Amino acid sequence: MEEMTSASFDATSIRAGGNRKDALNAREYQRLLDRTLPRVIRTEAENEHYLELLAQLDARSDEISPAEKELADLLTVLIEDFEEQHYALKEASPTEVLCELMRVHDLKQRDLTDIFGTPSIVSEVLKGKRKFTTDHIRKLSQRFHVSPELFL
């Protein structure tokens, strides 16, 4: 592989995907990097700062340059990484999913007897003493318009 030297590498533009119209002006991109100093996000304040920068770029999305688009992509990666580490949702059990759906739809146990058959079965399922049957899963997914996989 050829070593990149000032003689063999012209840093004034970098072509994205070989498409000339999407040429990235390296000097403009470097100025943007110097101004924003993007780095790994470690605090909520840094995350908020980058979210604001991204929102500003997004508000002008029809008129941003390829360099600004590249910066927006970088900020997106940094923000997603931080948020995946700090706001990751824990996997919910089928019972927890049902309880949340009941809460959102303002339902009581008695409202599910048409699905489970009797109030005692509803109670046992919600307490984790009884597992969902295939029929329960089918009826719940139809009632709440969700994937049956949520109850497996």
C-alpha atoms as a PDB file:
ATOM      1  CA  MET A   1       0.000   0.000   0.000  1.00  0.00           C
ATOM      2  CA  GLU A   2       1.371   3.387  -0.963  1.00  0.00           C
ATOM      3  CA  GLU A   3       2.323   5.634   1.948  1.00  0.00           C
ATOM      4  CA  MET A   4       0.313   8.843   1.961  1.00  0.00           C
ATOM      5  CA  THR A   5       2.602  11.848   1.752  1.00  0.00           C
ATOM      6  CA  SER A   6       1.836  15.465   1.007  1.00  0.00           C
ATOM      7  CA  ALA A   7       2.946  14.804  -2.567  1.00  0.00           C
ATOM      8  CA  SER A   8       0.653  11.803  -3.072  1.00  0.00           C
ATOM      9  CA  PHE A   9      -2.360  12.940  -1.041  1.00  0.00           C
ATOM     10  CA  ASP A  10      -4.397  16.038  -1.786  1.00  0.00           C
ATOM     11  CA  ALA A  11      -6.413  16.772   1.368  1.00  0.00           C
ATOM     12  CA  THR A  12      -8.602  19.447  -0.204  1.00  0.00           C
ATOM     13  CA  SER A  13     -11.318  16.950  -1.036  1.00  0.00           C
ATOM     14  CA  ILE A  14     -12.206  13.393  -0.205  1.00  0.00           C
ATOM     15  CA  ARG A  15     -14.711  11.652  -2.426  1.00  0.00           C
ATOM     16  CA  ALA A  16     -17.464   9.705  -0.684  1.00  0.00           C
ATOM     17  CA  GLY A  17     -18.176   6.476  -2.533  1.00  0.00           C
ATOM     18  CA  GLY A  18     -16.351   7.748  -5.594  1.00  0.00           C
ATOM     19  CA  ASN A  19     -19.139  10.200  -6.430  1.00  0.00           C
ATOM     20  CA  ARG A  20     -17.761  13.616  -7.402  1.00  0.00           C
ATOM     21  CA  LYS A  21     -20.965  15.512  -6.455  1.00  0.00           C
ATOM     22  CA  ASP A  22     -20.680  14.129  -2.907  1.00  0.00           C
ATOM     23  CA  ALA A  23     -17.062  15.285  -2.578  1.00  0.00           C
ATOM     24  CA  LEU A  24     -16.201  16.140   0.990  1.00  0.00           C
ATOM     25  CA  ASN A  25     -14.095  19.256   1.400  1.00  0.00           C
ATOM     26  CA  ALA A  26     -11.467  18.132   3.896  1.00  0.00           C
ATOM     27  CA  ARG A  27     -10.543  21.686   4.899  1.00  0.00           C
ATOM     28  CA  GLU A  28     -14.173  22.530   5.662  1.00  0.00           C
ATOM     29  CA  TYR A  29     -14.571  19.267   7.582  1.00  0.00           C
ATOM     30  CA  GLN A  30     -11.385  19.971   9.544  1.00  0.00           C
ATOM     31  CA  ARG A  31     -12.707  23.444  10.464  1.00  0.00           C
ATOM     32  CA  LEU A  32     -15.963  21.864  11.662  1.00  0.00           C
ATOM     33  CA  LEU A  33     -14.046  19.318  13.731  1.00  0.00           C
ATOM     34  CA  ASP A  34     -11.825  22.042  15.191  1.00  0.00           C
ATOM     35  CA  ARG A  35     -14.907  24.077  16.123  1.00  0.00           C
ATOM     36  CA  THR A  36     -16.973  21.229  17.611  1.00  0.00           C
ATOM     37  CA  LEU A  37     -14.199  18.962  18.977  1.00  0.00           C
ATOM     38  CA  PRO A  38     -16.301  15.770  18.818  1.00  0.00           C
ATOM     39  CA  ARG A  39     -15.123  13.000  21.112  1.00  0.00           C
ATOM     40  CA  VAL A  40     -16.509  10.061  23.054  1.00  0.00           C
ATOM     41  CA  ILE A  41     -19.442  11.284  25.158  1.00  0.00           C
ATOM     42  CA  ARG A  42     -18.973  10.629  28.867  1.00  0.00           C
ATOM     43  CA  THR A  43     -21.536  12.873  30.580  1.00  0.00           C
ATOM     44  CA  GLU A  44     -25.155  13.836  30.182  1.00  0.00           C
ATOM     45  CA  ALA A  45     -24.091  17.462  29.600  1.00  0.00           C
ATOM     46  CA  GLU A  46     -21.845  16.413  26.694  1.00  0.00           C
ATOM     47  CA  ASN A  47     -24.680  14.340  25.265  1.00  0.00           C
ATOM     48  CA  GLU A  48     -27.072  17.298  25.479  1.00  0.00           C
ATOM     49  CA  HIS A  49     -24.479  19.528  23.796  1.00  0.00           C
ATOM     50  CA  TYR A  50     -24.059  17.112  20.875  1.00  0.00           C
ATOM     51  CA  LEU A  51     -27.827  16.638  20.603  1.00  0.00           C
ATOM     52  CA  GLU A  52     -28.184  20.415  20.235  1.00  0.00           C
ATOM     53  CA  LEU A  53     -25.483  20.534  17.549  1.00  0.00           C
ATOM     54  CA  LEU A  54     -27.174  17.686  15.695  1.00  0.00           C
ATOM     55  CA  ALA A  55     -30.555  19.417  15.954  1.00  0.00           C
ATOM     56  CA  GLN A  56     -29.058  22.577  14.461  1.00  0.00           C
ATOM     57  CA  LEU A  57     -27.670  20.596  11.528  1.00  0.00           C
ATOM     58  CA  ASP A  58     -30.927  18.704  11.129  1.00  0.00           C
ATOM     59  CA  ALA A  59     -32.908  21.954  11.006  1.00  0.00           C
ATOM     60  CA  ARG A  60     -30.857  22.900   7.945  1.00  0.00           C
ATOM     61  CA  SER A  61     -30.812  19.410   6.431  1.00  0.00           C
ATOM     62  CA  ASP A  62     -31.811  20.627   2.959  1.00  0.00           C
ATOM     63  CA  GLU A  63     -28.827  22.947   2.709  1.00  0.00           C
ATOM     64  CA  ILE A  64     -25.969  21.306   4.612  1.00  0.00           C
ATOM     65  CA  SER A  65     -22.678  20.645   2.902  1.00  0.00           C
ATOM     66  CA  PRO A  66     -21.115  17.183   2.570  1.00  0.00           C
ATOM     67  CA  ALA A  67     -18.721  18.149   5.405  1.00  0.00           C
ATOM     68  CA  GLU A  68     -21.645  19.068   7.670  1.00  0.00           C
ATOM     69  CA  LYS A  69     -23.392  15.818   6.710  1.00  0.00           C
ATOM     70  CA  GLU A  70     -20.252  13.926   7.704  1.00  0.00           C
ATOM     71  CA  LEU A  71     -20.177  15.762  11.040  1.00  0.00           C
ATOM     72  CA  ALA A  72     -23.864  14.950  11.588  1.00  0.00           C
ATOM     73  CA  ASP A  73     -23.132  11.268  10.927  1.00  0.00           C
ATOM     74  CA  LEU A  74     -20.249  11.343  13.424  1.00  0.00           C
ATOM     75  CA  LEU A  75     -22.367  13.067  16.076  1.00  0.00           C
ATOM     76  CA  THR A  76     -25.109  10.493  15.517  1.00  0.00           C
ATOM     77  CA  VAL A  77     -22.678   7.619  16.130  1.00  0.00           C
ATOM     78  CA  LEU A  78     -21.343   9.259  19.301  1.00  0.00           C
ATOM     79  CA  ILE A  79     -24.839   9.993  20.646  1.00  0.00           C
ATOM     80  CA  GLU A  80     -26.139   6.506  19.852  1.00  0.00           C
ATOM     81  CA  ASP A  81     -23.138   4.920  21.585  1.00  0.00           C
ATOM     82  CA  PHE A  82     -23.668   6.997  24.741  1.00  0.00           C
ATOM     83  CA  GLU A  83     -27.404   6.396  24.828  1.00  0.00           C
ATOM     84  CA  GLU A  84     -27.097   2.646  24.249  1.00  0.00           C
ATOM     85  CA  GLN A  85     -24.729   2.456  27.224  1.00  0.00           C
ATOM     86  CA  HIS A  86     -26.725   4.733  29.539  1.00  0.00           C
ATOM     87  CA  TYR A  87     -30.337   4.261  28.531  1.00  0.00           C
ATOM     88  CA  ALA A  88     -30.429   0.630  27.478  1.00  0.00           C
ATOM     89  CA  LEU A  89     -33.780  -0.937  28.185  1.00  0.00           C
ATOM     90  CA  LYS A  90     -33.678  -4.168  30.080  1.00  0.00           C
ATOM     91  CA  GLU A  91     -35.395  -7.145  28.556  1.00  0.00           C
ATOM     92  CA  ALA A  92     -38.952  -7.394  29.887  1.00  0.00           C
ATOM     93  CA  SER A  93     -40.586 -10.658  30.819  1.00  0.00           C
ATOM     94  CA  PRO A  94     -43.894 -11.558  29.153  1.00  0.00           C
ATOM     95  CA  THR A  95     -45.675 -10.757  32.430  1.00  0.00           C
ATOM     96  CA  GLU A  96     -43.990  -7.343  32.644  1.00  0.00           C
ATOM     97  CA  VAL A  97     -45.026  -6.643  29.050  1.00  0.00           C
ATOM     98  CA  LEU A  98     -48.633  -7.521  29.850  1.00  0.00           C
ATOM     99  CA  CYS A  99     -48.613  -5.366  32.997  1.00  0.00           C
ATOM    100  CA  GLU A 100     -47.274  -2.403  31.006  1.00  0.00           C
ATOM    101  CA  LEU A 101     -49.892  -2.894  28.288  1.00  0.00           C
ATOM    102  CA  MET A 102     -52.581  -3.036  30.958  1.00  0.00           C
ATOM    103  CA  ARG A 103     -51.246   0.177  32.526  1.00  0.00           C
ATOM    104  CA  VAL A 104     -51.094   2.025  29.189  1.00  0.00           C
ATOM    105  CA  HIS A 105     -54.623   0.909  28.261  1.00  0.00           C
ATOM    106  CA  ASP A 106     -55.926   1.520  31.795  1.00  0.00           C
ATOM    107  CA  LEU A 107     -57.088  -2.079  32.200  1.00  0.00           C
ATOM    108  CA  LYS A 108     -57.772  -4.087  35.341  1.00  0.00           C
ATOM    109  CA  GLN A 109     -57.380  -7.840  35.791  1.00  0.00           C
ATOM    110  CA  ARG A 110     -61.099  -8.356  35.235  1.00  0.00           C
ATOM    111  CA  ASP A 111     -60.745  -6.769  31.781  1.00  0.00           C
ATOM    112  CA  LEU A 112     -58.662  -9.758  30.662  1.00  0.00           C
ATOM    113  CA  THR A 113     -61.020 -12.569  31.638  1.00  0.00           C
ATOM    114  CA  ASP A 114     -62.203 -12.829  28.023  1.00  0.00           C
ATOM    115  CA  ILE A 115     -58.617 -13.779  27.094  1.00  0.00           C
ATOM    116  CA  PHE A 116     -57.711 -16.014  30.043  1.00  0.00           C
ATOM    117  CA  GLY A 117     -61.123 -17.514  30.835  1.00  0.00           C
ATOM    118  CA  THR A 118     -61.383 -16.866  34.563  1.00  0.00           C
ATOM    119  CA  PRO A 119     -60.253 -14.169  37.021  1.00  0.00           C
ATOM    120  CA  SER A 120     -58.155 -16.735  38.903  1.00  0.00           C
ATOM    121  CA  ILE A 121     -56.145 -17.617  35.764  1.00  0.00           C
ATOM    122  CA  VAL A 122     -55.577 -13.892  35.079  1.00  0.00           C
ATOM    123  CA  SER A 123     -54.308 -13.502  38.640  1.00  0.00           C
ATOM    124  CA  GLU A 124     -52.010 -16.543  38.410  1.00  0.00           C
ATOM    125  CA  VAL A 125     -50.526 -15.361  35.089  1.00  0.00           C
ATOM    126  CA  LEU A 126     -49.898 -11.854  36.434  1.00  0.00           C
ATOM    127  CA  LYS A 127     -48.228 -13.256  39.554  1.00  0.00           C
ATOM    128  CA  GLY A 128     -46.014 -15.493  37.418  1.00  0.00           C
ATOM    129  CA  LYS A 129     -47.532 -18.705  38.827  1.00  0.00           C
ATOM    130  CA  ARG A 130     -48.915 -19.751  35.447  1.00  0.00           C
ATOM    131  CA  LYS A 131     -47.361 -19.459  32.000  1.00  0.00           C
ATOM    132  CA  PHE A 132     -49.042 -18.031  28.922  1.00  0.00           C
ATOM    133  CA  THR A 133     -50.608 -20.631  26.657  1.00  0.00           C
ATOM    134  CA  THR A 134     -50.453 -20.416  22.868  1.00  0.00           C
ATOM    135  CA  ASP A 135     -54.108 -19.350  22.881  1.00  0.00           C
ATOM    136  CA  HIS A 136     -53.421 -16.597  25.458  1.00  0.00           C
ATOM    137  CA  ILE A 137     -50.531 -15.297  23.369  1.00  0.00           C
ATOM    138  CA  ARG A 138     -52.599 -15.243  20.185  1.00  0.00           C
ATOM    139  CA  LYS A 139     -55.481 -13.414  21.872  1.00  0.00           C
ATOM    140  CA  LEU A 140     -53.194 -10.907  23.629  1.00  0.00           C
ATOM    141  CA  SER A 141     -51.321 -10.063  20.443  1.00  0.00           C
ATOM    142  CA  GLN A 142     -54.636  -9.510  18.644  1.00  0.00           C
ATOM    143  CA  ARG A 143     -56.103  -7.424  21.449  1.00  0.00           C
ATOM    144  CA  PHE A 144     -53.089  -5.141  21.837  1.00  0.00           C
ATOM    145  CA  HIS A 145     -51.972  -5.238  18.175  1.00  0.00           C
ATOM    146  CA  VAL A 146     -48.456  -6.367  19.082  1.00  0.00           C
ATOM    147  CA  SER A 147     -46.187  -9.195  18.018  1.00  0.00           C
ATOM    148  CA  PRO A 148     -46.824 -12.539  19.735  1.00  0.00           C
ATOM    149  CA  GLU A 149     -43.056 -12.652  20.389  1.00  0.00           C
ATOM    150  CA  LEU A 150     -43.536 -10.154  23.231  1.00  0.00           C
ATOM    151  CA  PHE A 151     -45.242 -12.887  25.249  1.00  0.00           C
ATOM    152  CA  LEU A 152     -42.775 -15.698  24.632  1.00  0.00           C
END
